[in-house]
Protein backbone atom coordinates (compact mmCIF):
# COMPACT_ATOMS: atom_id res chain seq x y z
CA MET A 1 -9.60 -15.25 -1.66
CA THR A 2 -9.34 -12.07 -3.71
CA GLU A 3 -6.58 -9.74 -2.62
CA LYS A 4 -7.67 -6.21 -1.74
CA ILE A 5 -5.70 -3.13 -2.76
CA LEU A 6 -6.34 0.34 -1.36
CA LEU A 7 -5.53 3.06 -3.91
CA VAL A 8 -4.91 6.51 -2.43
CA ASP A 9 -4.64 9.65 -4.57
CA ASP A 10 -6.34 13.03 -4.61
CA GLU A 11 -6.46 12.94 -8.43
CA GLU A 12 -9.47 10.90 -9.54
CA VAL A 13 -7.96 10.36 -12.99
CA ASN A 14 -5.02 8.53 -11.35
CA LEU A 15 -7.38 6.36 -9.31
CA LYS A 16 -9.39 5.52 -12.41
CA LEU A 17 -6.29 4.53 -14.40
CA LEU A 18 -4.89 2.31 -11.62
CA THR A 19 -8.31 0.72 -11.13
CA GLN A 20 -8.55 -0.05 -14.85
CA TRP A 21 -5.15 -1.73 -14.73
CA LEU A 22 -5.64 -3.74 -11.52
CA ILE A 23 -9.25 -5.01 -11.67
CA PRO A 24 -8.60 -7.21 -14.76
CA LEU A 25 -5.78 -8.87 -12.78
CA GLY A 26 -8.36 -10.07 -10.24
CA TYR A 27 -7.79 -7.61 -7.42
CA GLU A 28 -10.54 -6.01 -5.34
CA ILE A 29 -10.05 -2.26 -5.29
CA GLU A 30 -10.88 0.28 -2.58
CA LEU A 31 -10.31 4.02 -3.00
CA ALA A 32 -9.30 6.90 -0.74
CA LEU A 33 -8.79 10.55 -1.70
CA ASN A 34 -6.30 11.62 0.99
CA GLY A 35 -3.98 10.29 3.66
CA GLU A 36 -6.45 10.61 6.52
CA GLU A 37 -9.03 8.56 4.66
CA ALA A 38 -6.30 6.04 3.78
CA VAL A 39 -5.39 5.51 7.44
CA GLN A 40 -9.07 5.08 8.41
CA LYS A 41 -9.78 2.62 5.58
CA THR A 42 -6.60 0.67 6.25
CA ARG A 43 -7.58 0.21 9.90
CA ALA A 44 -11.19 -0.68 9.09
CA GLN A 45 -10.77 -2.84 5.98
CA ARG A 46 -7.25 -4.33 6.32
CA PRO A 47 -6.28 -4.29 2.63
CA ASP A 48 -3.51 -6.58 1.45
CA LEU A 49 -1.60 -3.67 -0.14
CA VAL A 50 -1.76 0.13 -0.17
CA ILE A 51 -0.69 2.20 -3.16
CA LEU A 52 -0.22 5.66 -1.70
CA ASP A 53 0.42 8.99 -3.42
CA ILE A 54 2.78 11.30 -1.54
CA LEU A 55 1.51 14.78 -2.36
CA MET A 56 -2.10 15.09 -1.15
CA PRO A 57 -4.22 17.53 0.83
CA VAL A 58 -5.46 16.90 4.40
CA MET A 59 -2.63 14.44 5.18
CA ASP A 60 0.29 13.65 2.88
CA GLY A 61 1.44 10.15 2.03
CA TYR A 62 4.44 10.28 4.36
CA GLU A 63 2.28 10.90 7.43
CA ALA A 64 -0.30 8.33 6.33
CA CYS A 65 2.45 5.74 5.83
CA ARG A 66 3.97 6.56 9.22
CA LEU A 67 0.61 6.10 10.98
CA ILE A 68 -0.23 2.86 9.16
CA LYS A 69 3.19 1.37 9.96
CA ALA A 70 3.06 2.55 13.60
CA ASP A 71 -0.17 0.63 14.25
CA PRO A 72 0.49 -3.00 15.31
CA GLU A 73 -2.72 -4.06 13.52
CA THR A 74 -1.68 -2.60 10.14
CA ARG A 75 2.13 -2.45 10.19
CA ASN A 76 2.55 -5.59 8.06
CA ILE A 77 0.48 -4.22 5.18
CA PRO A 78 2.90 -3.36 2.37
CA ILE A 79 2.84 0.20 1.02
CA ILE A 80 3.96 1.37 -2.39
CA MET A 81 4.49 5.13 -2.42
CA VAL A 82 3.80 6.93 -5.69
CA THR A 83 5.62 10.14 -6.39
CA ALA A 84 6.26 12.70 -9.07
CA LEU A 85 9.32 13.64 -7.02
CA ASN A 86 12.41 11.92 -8.35
CA ASP A 87 14.95 13.20 -5.85
CA MET A 88 16.79 10.98 -3.38
CA GLU A 89 15.55 13.00 -0.39
CA SER A 90 11.91 12.08 -1.15
CA LYS A 91 12.75 8.38 -1.37
CA LEU A 92 14.81 8.48 1.82
CA LYS A 93 11.95 10.20 3.62
CA GLY A 94 9.60 7.46 2.37
CA LEU A 95 11.98 4.76 3.58
CA SER A 96 12.23 6.49 6.96
CA VAL A 97 8.45 6.05 7.42
CA SER A 98 8.75 2.36 6.38
CA ALA A 99 7.42 2.43 2.82
CA ASN A 100 8.06 -0.92 1.14
CA ASP A 101 8.52 0.31 -2.43
CA PHE A 102 8.23 3.30 -4.77
CA LEU A 103 6.74 4.06 -8.15
CA SER A 104 7.51 7.23 -10.06
CA LYS A 105 4.90 9.11 -12.07
CA PRO A 106 4.02 8.61 -14.79
CA ILE A 107 3.42 5.04 -13.67
CA ASP A 108 4.40 2.24 -16.02
CA GLN A 109 1.72 -0.46 -16.09
CA THR A 110 4.19 -3.36 -16.32
CA GLU A 111 6.29 -2.03 -13.44
CA LEU A 112 3.15 -1.54 -11.33
CA THR A 113 1.99 -5.09 -12.02
CA ILE A 114 5.34 -6.63 -11.10
CA ARG A 115 5.75 -4.60 -7.90
CA VAL A 116 2.18 -5.36 -6.79
CA ARG A 117 2.56 -9.10 -7.42
CA ASN A 118 5.92 -9.24 -5.63
CA LEU A 119 4.72 -7.42 -2.52
CA LEU A 120 1.52 -9.49 -2.35
CA LYS A 121 3.56 -12.71 -2.54
CA ILE A 122 5.75 -11.50 0.32
CA LYS A 123 2.70 -10.50 2.38
CA SER A 124 1.05 -13.87 1.75
CA PHE A 125 4.15 -15.67 2.99
CA GLU A 126 4.44 -13.39 6.05
CA ASP A 127 0.74 -13.97 6.87
CA PHE A 128 1.27 -17.73 6.59
CA MET A 129 4.29 -17.57 8.90
CA LEU A 130 2.43 -15.45 11.49
CA SER A 131 -0.51 -17.84 11.45
CA HIS A 132 1.76 -20.87 11.67
CA ASN A 133 3.67 -19.36 14.61
CA GLU A 134 0.42 -18.59 16.44
CA ARG A 135 -0.70 -22.21 16.03
CA LEU A 136 2.63 -23.47 17.31
CA GLU A 137 2.41 -21.21 20.37
CA GLU A 138 -1.11 -22.49 21.10
CA GLU A 139 0.13 -26.08 20.96
CA VAL A 140 3.00 -25.38 23.36
């Protein structure tokens, strides 16, 4: 099964670059242009990972992350927040809304690839454990 990644950024050039880096690695890519669209697509399509810009119109990445993580149906989807902000306060705010990881702009392709692979491995294991636990509960 191909893993699906939702890329969220209001700058189309950023979406295009990330798409060009991730598609050759075998990932299916979905796009959103703001936080509100990200929340809607996450609920409807259940991606395996969300790469979420922080500074966007309509709804910023912090609020989108908070809403995705507050929903029991989507809370286990890992989120990488992307920011041009390099201050500790921005990262702490991201952690407070349950972001799983951060990337700073300009994004390094190797760092992106490693972080994506690591979070998808963790999610795959968590999905396996949830499924296994559900089967065990059914048997009991």
